[in-house]
Amino acid sequence: MAADLQAKYQKLAQEYSKLRAQNQVLKKAVVDEQGQGASLKEELKMKDQSVRKLQQEMDSLTFRNQQLAKRVELLQEELVTTETKGKKSKQKSADSPSQLNQQRQSVFDEDLQNKIEENERLHKQVKSHSLEREAKECRLRTEECQQQLKNIHADLSSRLDQSKSIIQEKVPFNDTRLSEYNTLDVPVHDRRHQLKARDVNGQALAFLQDLVGALLNLHTYTEQRIQIYPIDSATDTISPLNQKFSEYLHENASYVRPLEEGMLHLFESVTEETVTTLETTVKLKPFSDIFTSYVCFLKKILPYQLKSLEEECEYSLCTANLQARNMELQSDMQKMTAVFEKLQVYISLLALPSTKPEKLLQTNYNVVFTQLAACLHSLHDVMTDISKHYSQKVSLEQEQPTITQKLKTTNDCILSSVVALSNVTGKIGTFFSNNLDFFTAPSVYGSKGRMGVIDPLSAQCMLQNKRKAAAYIKSLKKPCPGSVPYVAALANRRAILSSTESREGLSQQVQQSQEKIAKLEQEKEHWMLEAQLAKIKLEKENQRITDLESQFKITFTGQMPSVDSIQENGSIPKIEELQLVEKDSKEPVRSTSLVGMLTTSTSNNEIPDEESREQLIKSHYMMRVAELTSQLQIADSKSVHFYAECRALAKRLALAEKSRETLSEEIKVANQNIVRLQDELTTTKRSYEDQLSMMSDHLCSMNETLSKQREEIDSLRMGNKGTAKKNRSR
């Protein structure tokens, strides 16, 4: 059932993802179509505006044309009148030929102007017709686009409703809205990033091991130098300051060794299967605490180190150059402690996201890593200065006549440790600078799926989810067991139903038979023990009978005992003595063992075989134990069979309960429908009864009106007959 549900859920998830992708595409298409429709609407509006303008221009032009036509008609009439007047009175006219030419020219100009305006009007009409055609085409296109948009909108709305119903029914909750839920999602696993992170951690562990070794040598040999210079502790007492400084330096291993252990734990926490970010690297905080304790140790020994160098400067054999070197070393030690303090600050800042992510924003990660790289380079510069100044100091001290071989070897050891520190800090700075791009690169996990800032607790839950998902995928690769055919399942169901009916009777029979079997087993065990004891008694009696027969033969055949037996006993046995021996041989002997107590009759010269009896009883009980173990195994197999049968019955019971619940729900719905239908039936009955009563009342009123009308008609007929008779009589 769980596999089927999981398969159904996976199918639904796939369908949901497909619908979601289709929904995104359709949304994009709808947005594009809406934008295209809006642009077409705007274009249509502009075309309509241009058409309106052209229509207005056409109206104005037609009005102007009508005015011009009227003016041309008036001018033509005036021309005709002037021509007629000219013909009639040429002599009277005082106009010159030049004036007539001017009038004609003006008429031609007006005619030409009219033609030009008419030509422009025709051109505008052609432009307006073409614009009308374009406007019609645009309207048709907009109508088609609107229809397509309506169809797409209807299709998208139906798909959206379907997807919403599927989401509401099948998806328990939407975890994409809140970043807290998104952080619990298992991100895409970047194996290259994890391999790179593990490689970087391995290199850092190797460099830190070299650094730890060099620091241990530096502090240890510094303690050794204090014991022999400027005063040798073997010959004289050193100053209290140097004694305290020596005690503190003697504790350096308890502060330096944990650095390597903390880095080793950090390296072990970064594997190929984990998700490595600053939020998930929880082992960085213990390393930061260890580094903080070492920095506190350096700050504690710094004043004693400076005072110790001042004591060396106050020594009588200390030259001015040596004093200058000591002063340089004092400033170098102060710089080294300050650089370690800076490193401690940046490392503690990098450890914050795994405990309190709100105190260090992701935008500040790059700054912290960059400053840490610069601080490592400055540490290398300080260690280089210390090695240079200490080498100069060692060369000046070796020129002194009172220097000892022990001090020379100690100075060489300190110088080698300082040089090693300079080399390893340079390697660490170069390594960090080379991998700065990897450290400052954006998180490959936080940038996908809008996961946001990963909380440390959420990171642990996410890693647990990742392991569960990996286990689930591994379990999916296992072959699925074969399903039971439908016909076989029906037969099994019938068998289960038939077995459940007779189960109580069979259980009672089994209980009774088990009780009988237990009683019979007890009786069998009792009688087997009795048979073993009887067998032992029979063997003893047979042995005693053979002995008595041999003695009887000796006494009655006249066979005398041998000389040796006579010499040993001192006399010949008589018949009474033999009888006494026979009587004595029948004395009962009581023997006890681990099994119980047994009373047997043995002869005096015979020892009962208790060991054989115990061995027989032991073998009997061992056989009985073997039989009981076999019965126990059979009972276990039967119990397993009954357990499987009970599980099947429990499943059937659960299915029956579910079917009963569904049937009860259906019965409730049916009852509700019945009640509703009964209510509707009563309402319809009432309405019909009301209508029938109204119709009956209406019929009664109609009958009354009809009877009244008939009476009136009869009265009118009678009146008409009376008037007719009167008229006839008249």
Foldseek 3Di string as FASTA:
>chain_A
DVVVVVVVLVVLVVVLVVLVVVLVVLVVVLVVLVVVLVVLVVVLVVLVVVLVVLVVVLVVLVVVLVVLVVVLVVLVVVVVVVVVVCVVPVPPDPDDVVVVVVSVVVNVVSVVVSVVSVVVSVVSVVVSVVSVVVSVVSVVVSVVSVVVSVVSVVVSVVSVVVSVVSCVVSPPDDQLPDLLSLLLAQFDADLVLLVVVLVLLVVVLVLLVLLLVLVLLQLVLVLVLLCPPPHPVVVDNHDPLNVVLSVLSVCLCVLSVVLSVLSVVLSVVRDSLAADDLQQSLSLQVNLVSLVVNLVSLVVNLVSLLVSLVVNCVDPPQDPLLNVLSVLLNVLSVQLSVLSVLLSVLSNLSNCSNPPVVVDDLVCQLVSLVVNLVSLVVNLVSLVSNLVSLVVNLVVVVVDPPDDPSSNVSSVSNSVSSVSNNVSSVVVSVSSVVCSCSRSPDRPGCVPSVSHRNHNVSSVSSSVVSVVVVVVVVVVPDDDDDDDDPVVVVVVVVVLVVCVVCVVVVVVVVVVVVVVVVVVVVVVLVVVLVVLVVVLQVVQVVVVVVVVVVVVCCQPVVPFDDPVVCVVVVHGDDPVVVVVQVVQQQDWDWDADPVGIDIGRGGPVDDRPVVVSVVVVVVVVVVVVVVVVVVVVVVVVVVVVVVVSVVVVVVVVVVVVVVVVVVVVVVVVVVVVVVVVVVVVVVVVVVVVVVVVVVVVVVVVVVVVVVVVVVVVVVVVVVVVVVVVVVVVD
